[in-house]
């Protein structure tokens, strides 16, 4: 059985086996659980190196950005996105300094692969699900991997591309069968993937909701309610024209986002629709922050019910 995490690692190895000099590093990257399975079986070419490092996330981010600044390729593997909060000074301020004073054509690459602990019952220090906030704070692309198509496309096109980005994986989906749905169209910068076409509504999936969204869309199609279905990543200045044009045609927009951020990247869609004076009916299925009693160990899932979709579209 080819699982979600196995497919991710296969695609990583396809790049690292031939990309030339590269440093892959992380805490227990090549020992013990291999970062909760995130790095189990990774390989590197003869010019590369796999390095186990200690518990110093702020330093890790500085090292990665320094290698990038020197024209090299660095990749940090992280057990959970929560840990990257300790590296925010480097991720935001150091990278801002690099962008201000270093010519981009001299850069190498720095990529962080991070697990998002979204499986529930993990507690307040192992359940940060706010990749979009990192993108907003540091103005960097964040890719959330869902299926075989975006896993293959993002890793092959973005992994060792000059510059800095974070690639996030869903812990909840680690051992699931890989999702093989083929997209109809992919944006050049991998910010948008279009999976389905229909006239009854426009559905945009954010974060790690694609599997559930595709399943619900299939059931809707069986009742005659076909929709345009997009998956969107957290990419600053992404071109939203395909979504805007779809909304103008269908007149109904459904946004699904299982992240916990208060501000949402999907708000950009609503702003553009307002500026262009395009009237659409809106259904948002998301979480804008949490109540105090939701920060402990709990199910930690949003309700993606077909009834909400059906009642909105019919």
Protein backbone atom coordinates (compact mmCIF):
# COMPACT_ATOMS: atom_id res chain seq x y z
CA UNK A 1 0.00 0.00 0.00
CA UNK A 2 1.37 3.42 -0.94
CA UNK A 3 0.48 5.86 1.81
CA UNK A 4 0.45 9.64 1.96
CA UNK A 5 3.77 9.86 3.84
CA UNK A 6 5.44 7.21 1.67
CA UNK A 7 4.56 9.16 -1.44
CA UNK A 8 5.94 12.36 0.06
CA UNK A 9 9.25 10.65 0.91
CA UNK A 10 9.46 9.08 -2.55
CA UNK A 11 9.13 12.51 -4.15
CA UNK A 12 11.70 14.04 -1.76
CA UNK A 13 14.20 11.31 -2.65
CA UNK A 14 13.68 11.88 -6.37
CA UNK A 15 14.97 15.41 -5.83
CA UNK A 16 17.73 14.77 -3.29
CA UNK A 17 19.25 11.91 -5.29
CA UNK A 18 20.21 14.24 -8.14
CA UNK A 19 20.18 17.86 -6.93
CA UNK A 20 23.87 18.06 -6.03
CA UNK A 21 25.21 19.51 -2.76
CA UNK A 22 22.45 19.75 -0.17
CA UNK A 23 22.23 19.58 3.63
CA UNK A 24 19.27 17.72 5.13
CA UNK A 25 19.10 18.29 8.88
CA UNK A 26 16.76 17.95 11.85
CA UNK A 27 16.39 16.61 15.37
CA UNK A 28 16.71 12.79 15.21
CA UNK A 29 16.51 12.96 11.42
CA UNK A 30 18.39 9.66 11.02
CA UNK A 31 17.79 7.95 14.36
CA UNK A 32 14.92 6.78 16.57
CA UNK A 33 11.54 7.69 15.08
CA UNK A 34 13.22 9.74 12.32
CA UNK A 35 11.14 12.78 13.25
CA UNK A 36 7.91 10.87 13.75
CA UNK A 37 8.35 9.11 10.41
CA UNK A 38 8.74 12.36 8.47
CA UNK A 39 12.34 11.55 7.49
CA UNK A 40 12.32 7.75 7.55
CA UNK A 41 14.08 6.45 4.45
CA UNK A 42 15.30 9.78 3.07
CA UNK A 43 18.31 9.56 0.79
CA UNK A 44 20.88 11.99 -0.48
CA UNK A 45 23.37 12.02 -3.37
CA UNK A 46 27.14 11.70 -2.92
CA UNK A 47 27.56 15.47 -2.66
CA UNK A 48 24.87 15.86 -0.01
CA UNK A 49 24.75 15.23 3.72
CA UNK A 50 22.18 14.15 6.32
CA UNK A 51 22.92 15.71 9.71
CA UNK A 52 21.30 15.05 13.08
CA UNK A 53 21.15 18.23 15.19
CA UNK A 54 20.06 19.24 18.69
CA UNK A 55 17.02 21.08 20.00
CA UNK A 56 17.71 24.64 18.80
CA UNK A 57 15.01 25.74 16.34
CA UNK A 58 16.07 29.40 16.25
CA UNK A 59 19.60 28.33 15.31
CA UNK A 60 18.32 25.80 12.77
CA UNK A 61 16.42 28.50 10.87
CA UNK A 62 19.44 30.81 10.97
CA UNK A 63 21.72 28.08 9.63
CA UNK A 64 19.32 27.28 6.81
CA UNK A 65 18.96 30.91 5.78
CA UNK A 66 22.75 31.34 6.01
CA UNK A 67 23.35 28.41 3.67
CA UNK A 68 20.77 29.84 1.28
CA UNK A 69 22.44 33.26 1.43
CA UNK A 70 25.78 31.61 0.58
CA UNK A 71 24.26 29.98 -2.52
CA UNK A 72 23.80 26.48 -1.04
CA UNK A 73 20.78 24.25 -0.55
CA UNK A 74 19.49 23.46 2.95
CA UNK A 75 16.45 21.52 4.14
CA UNK A 76 15.16 21.37 7.71
CA UNK A 77 12.79 18.61 8.80
CA UNK A 78 10.57 19.49 11.79
CA UNK A 79 8.35 17.24 13.89
CA UNK A 80 5.59 19.81 14.33
CA UNK A 81 4.77 23.31 13.17
CA UNK A 82 4.54 24.41 16.82
CA UNK A 83 8.36 24.26 17.04
CA UNK A 84 8.73 26.80 14.24
CA UNK A 85 7.28 29.49 16.48
CA UNK A 86 10.69 29.40 18.18
CA UNK A 87 12.31 30.31 14.87
CA UNK A 88 10.05 33.23 13.93
CA UNK A 89 12.74 35.86 14.48
CA UNK A 90 14.89 34.23 11.82
CA UNK A 91 11.96 33.33 9.56
CA UNK A 92 10.67 36.91 9.52
CA UNK A 93 13.41 39.39 10.49
CA UNK A 94 16.51 37.64 9.17
CA UNK A 95 14.81 36.78 5.91
CA UNK A 96 13.58 40.37 5.59
CA UNK A 97 17.18 41.58 5.97
CA UNK A 98 18.34 39.13 3.30
CA UNK A 99 15.62 40.30 0.91
CA UNK A 100 16.52 43.93 1.51
CA UNK A 101 20.27 43.70 0.99
CA UNK A 102 21.20 40.53 -0.91
CA UNK A 103 20.65 40.10 -4.69
CA UNK A 104 18.16 37.29 -5.24
CA UNK A 105 20.12 35.84 -8.16
CA UNK A 106 22.89 34.86 -5.71
CA UNK A 107 20.64 32.83 -3.40
CA UNK A 108 20.49 29.10 -2.92
CA UNK A 109 17.44 27.46 -1.33
CA UNK A 110 16.09 26.86 2.15
CA UNK A 111 13.04 24.61 2.59
CA UNK A 112 11.40 23.55 5.84
CA UNK A 113 9.34 20.35 5.84
CA UNK A 114 7.04 20.42 8.86
CA UNK A 115 4.35 18.13 10.24
CA UNK A 116 1.11 19.82 11.29
CA UNK A 117 -0.36 17.95 14.28
CA UNK A 118 -3.99 17.91 13.14
CA UNK A 119 -5.01 14.42 14.29
CA UNK A 120 -6.63 15.61 17.51
CA UNK A 121 -6.15 14.89 21.22
CA UNK A 122 -2.62 16.30 21.22
CA UNK A 123 -2.93 19.17 23.70
CA UNK A 124 -1.96 22.85 23.55
CA UNK A 125 1.74 22.42 22.66
CA UNK A 126 1.27 19.93 19.83
CA UNK A 127 -1.66 21.22 17.80
CA UNK A 128 -0.68 24.52 16.19
CA UNK A 129 -2.48 24.58 12.85
CA UNK A 130 -1.81 28.03 11.48
CA UNK A 131 0.43 27.74 8.42
CA UNK A 132 -1.32 30.72 6.84
CA UNK A 133 -0.12 32.96 9.67
CA UNK A 134 3.51 32.10 8.88
CA UNK A 135 2.89 33.09 5.27
CA UNK A 136 1.34 36.39 6.35
CA UNK A 137 4.01 37.28 8.94
CA UNK A 138 7.03 36.43 6.79
CA UNK A 139 5.51 36.93 3.31
CA UNK A 140 6.67 33.48 2.18
CA UNK A 141 4.91 30.66 0.31
CA UNK A 142 3.49 27.86 2.45
CA UNK A 143 2.39 24.68 0.70
CA UNK A 144 0.05 22.20 2.42
CA UNK A 145 0.33 18.79 0.76
CA UNK A 146 -2.89 16.84 0.22
CA UNK A 147 -2.74 14.41 -2.72
CA UNK A 148 -0.35 12.82 -5.18
CA UNK A 149 -0.69 15.64 -7.69
CA UNK A 150 0.23 18.52 -5.39
CA UNK A 151 2.83 16.42 -3.53
CA UNK A 152 4.62 15.64 -6.80
CA UNK A 153 4.24 19.13 -8.26
CA UNK A 154 5.23 21.13 -5.18
CA UNK A 155 8.22 18.98 -4.24
CA UNK A 156 9.58 18.73 -7.78
CA UNK A 157 9.07 22.43 -8.59
CA UNK A 158 9.56 24.22 -5.25
CA UNK A 159 11.77 22.06 -3.01
CA UNK A 160 15.24 23.27 -4.09
CA UNK A 161 14.09 26.36 -5.97
CA UNK A 162 16.08 29.48 -4.98
CA UNK A 163 14.51 31.22 -2.00
CA UNK A 164 12.68 30.19 1.16
CA UNK A 165 9.44 28.30 1.74
CA UNK A 166 7.73 25.94 4.19
CA UNK A 167 6.08 22.70 3.05
CA UNK A 168 3.54 21.30 5.53
CA UNK A 169 2.24 17.76 5.93
CA UNK A 170 -0.90 16.53 7.68
CA UNK A 171 -0.16 14.17 10.58
CA UNK A 172 -3.77 12.95 10.42
CA UNK A 173 -3.23 11.65 6.88
CA UNK A 174 0.19 10.01 7.34
CA UNK A 175 -1.01 6.41 7.03
CA UNK A 176 -3.95 7.05 4.69
CA UNK A 177 -3.90 5.74 1.14
CA UNK A 178 -2.47 8.42 -1.11
CA UNK A 179 -5.09 10.56 -2.83
CA UNK A 180 -4.80 9.99 -6.58
CA UNK A 181 -7.27 12.50 -8.04
CA UNK A 182 -5.77 14.19 -11.11
CA UNK A 183 -6.17 17.99 -11.39
CA UNK A 184 -7.55 19.59 -14.53
CA UNK A 185 -5.27 22.61 -14.22
CA UNK A 186 -2.32 23.76 -12.04
CA UNK A 187 -1.05 27.33 -11.55
CA UNK A 188 2.57 27.85 -12.57
CA UNK A 189 3.58 28.72 -8.99
CA UNK A 190 1.63 25.75 -7.54
CA UNK A 191 -0.60 28.14 -5.62
CA UNK A 192 -3.82 26.76 -7.14
CA UNK A 193 -4.97 23.34 -8.34
CA UNK A 194 -8.31 22.94 -10.11
CA UNK A 195 -9.79 19.44 -9.70
CA UNK A 196 -13.39 19.60 -10.87
CA UNK A 197 -15.69 21.65 -13.10
CA UNK A 198 -19.38 22.42 -12.55
CA UNK A 199 -21.98 25.17 -12.83
CA UNK A 200 -23.73 25.10 -9.45
CA UNK A 201 -21.02 26.63 -7.27
CA UNK A 202 -17.35 27.33 -6.65
CA UNK A 203 -15.61 25.37 -3.90
CA UNK A 204 -12.16 26.38 -2.61
CA UNK A 205 -10.31 23.99 -0.30
CA UNK A 206 -7.55 25.31 2.01
CA UNK A 207 -5.05 23.63 4.32
CA UNK A 208 -5.76 19.87 4.60
CA UNK A 209 -9.42 19.61 3.55
CA UNK A 210 -9.06 18.32 -0.02
CA UNK A 211 -9.86 14.65 0.67
CA UNK A 212 -13.13 15.46 2.45
CA UNK A 213 -14.02 18.12 -0.11
CA UNK A 214 -13.53 15.80 -3.07
CA UNK A 215 -15.62 13.12 -1.38
CA UNK A 216 -18.47 15.53 -0.73
CA UNK A 217 -18.25 16.98 -4.23
CA UNK A 218 -18.62 13.48 -5.71
CA UNK A 219 -21.80 12.92 -3.69
CA UNK A 220 -23.12 16.29 -4.80
CA UNK A 221 -22.46 15.44 -8.44
CA UNK A 222 -24.53 12.28 -7.99
CA UNK A 223 -27.47 14.55 -7.14
CA UNK A 224 -26.83 16.78 -10.15
CA UNK A 225 -24.97 19.54 -8.26
CA UNK A 226 -21.60 19.90 -9.95
CA UNK A 227 -19.10 22.55 -8.82
CA UNK A 228 -15.77 24.05 -9.78
CA UNK A 229 -13.38 22.75 -7.13
CA UNK A 230 -10.02 24.37 -6.34
CA UNK A 231 -7.31 23.62 -3.81
CA UNK A 232 -5.40 26.74 -2.71
CA UNK A 233 -2.06 27.09 -0.95
CA UNK A 234 -0.87 30.02 1.18
CA UNK A 235 1.11 31.91 -1.46
CA UNK A 236 1.45 35.72 -1.21
CA UNK A 237 0.35 37.69 -4.28
CA UNK A 238 -1.13 34.57 -5.88
CA UNK A 239 -3.33 35.09 -8.94
CA UNK A 240 -6.93 34.44 -7.93
CA UNK A 241 -8.38 35.16 -11.38
CA UNK A 242 -9.55 31.55 -12.02
CA UNK A 243 -11.52 31.56 -8.76
CA UNK A 244 -12.96 35.04 -9.32
CA UNK A 245 -14.09 34.14 -12.84
CA UNK A 246 -15.64 30.91 -11.53
CA UNK A 247 -17.55 32.81 -8.82
CA UNK A 248 -18.81 35.29 -11.39
CA UNK A 249 -20.16 32.38 -13.44
CA UNK A 250 -21.64 30.22 -10.66
CA UNK A 251 -22.81 32.92 -8.24
CA UNK A 252 -22.09 30.74 -5.17
CA UNK A 253 -18.84 30.35 -3.22
CA UNK A 254 -17.99 27.72 -0.60
CA UNK A 255 -14.72 28.08 1.33
CA UNK A 256 -13.41 25.17 3.43
CA UNK A 257 -10.40 25.75 5.70
CA UNK A 258 -9.50 23.57 8.70
CA UNK A 259 -6.67 25.82 9.94
CA UNK A 260 -7.16 27.72 13.20
CA UNK A 261 -6.09 31.17 12.06
CA UNK A 262 -8.29 34.14 12.87
CA UNK A 263 -7.44 35.89 9.62
CA UNK A 264 -7.85 33.74 6.52
CA UNK A 265 -6.10 33.73 3.15
CA UNK A 266 -9.52 33.20 1.60
CA UNK A 267 -10.40 36.75 2.67
CA UNK A 268 -8.41 37.83 -0.38
CA UNK A 269 -11.05 36.20 -2.56
CA UNK A 270 -13.85 38.08 -0.80
CA UNK A 271 -11.96 41.37 -1.12
CA UNK A 272 -11.44 40.94 -4.86
CA UNK A 273 -15.08 39.99 -5.37
CA UNK A 274 -16.14 43.12 -3.47
CA UNK A 275 -13.76 45.39 -5.40
CA UNK A 276 -15.02 43.98 -8.70
CA UNK A 277 -18.64 44.34 -7.48
CA UNK A 278 -19.35 40.64 -8.09
CA UNK A 279 -22.25 39.47 -5.94
CA UNK A 280 -22.04 35.88 -4.74
CA UNK A 281 -23.72 33.87 -2.03
CA UNK A 282 -21.12 32.68 0.50
CA UNK A 283 -20.78 29.61 2.71
CA UNK A 284 -17.67 29.49 4.94
CA UNK A 285 -16.74 26.27 6.72
CA UNK A 286 -13.77 27.18 8.89
CA UNK A 287 -12.44 28.10 12.33
CA UNK A 288 -11.48 31.67 13.16
CA UNK A 289 -9.58 31.05 16.36
CA UNK A 290 -10.72 28.89 19.28
CA UNK A 291 -12.56 29.22 22.57
CA UNK A 292 -10.50 28.70 25.74
CA UNK A 293 -11.89 25.22 26.38
CA UNK A 294 -10.77 24.10 22.90
CA UNK A 295 -7.04 24.43 23.58
CA UNK A 296 -6.75 21.21 25.59
CA UNK A 297 -6.79 17.68 24.21
CA UNK A 298 -9.91 17.37 22.04
CA UNK A 299 -11.14 15.99 18.72
CA UNK A 300 -9.79 19.08 16.95
CA UNK A 301 -11.76 18.64 13.70
CA UNK A 302 -14.14 20.93 11.87
CA UNK A 303 -17.56 19.72 10.77
CA UNK A 304 -17.50 19.19 7.00
CA UNK A 305 -21.03 17.90 6.52
CA UNK A 306 -22.61 17.28 3.13
CA UNK A 307 -25.89 18.71 4.42
CA UNK A 308 -24.35 22.20 4.62
CA UNK A 309 -23.24 21.95 0.99
CA UNK A 310 -26.49 20.48 -0.28
CA UNK A 311 -28.75 22.99 1.46
CA UNK A 312 -26.60 25.88 0.18
CA UNK A 313 -26.42 24.71 -3.45
CA UNK A 314 -29.81 23.16 -4.13
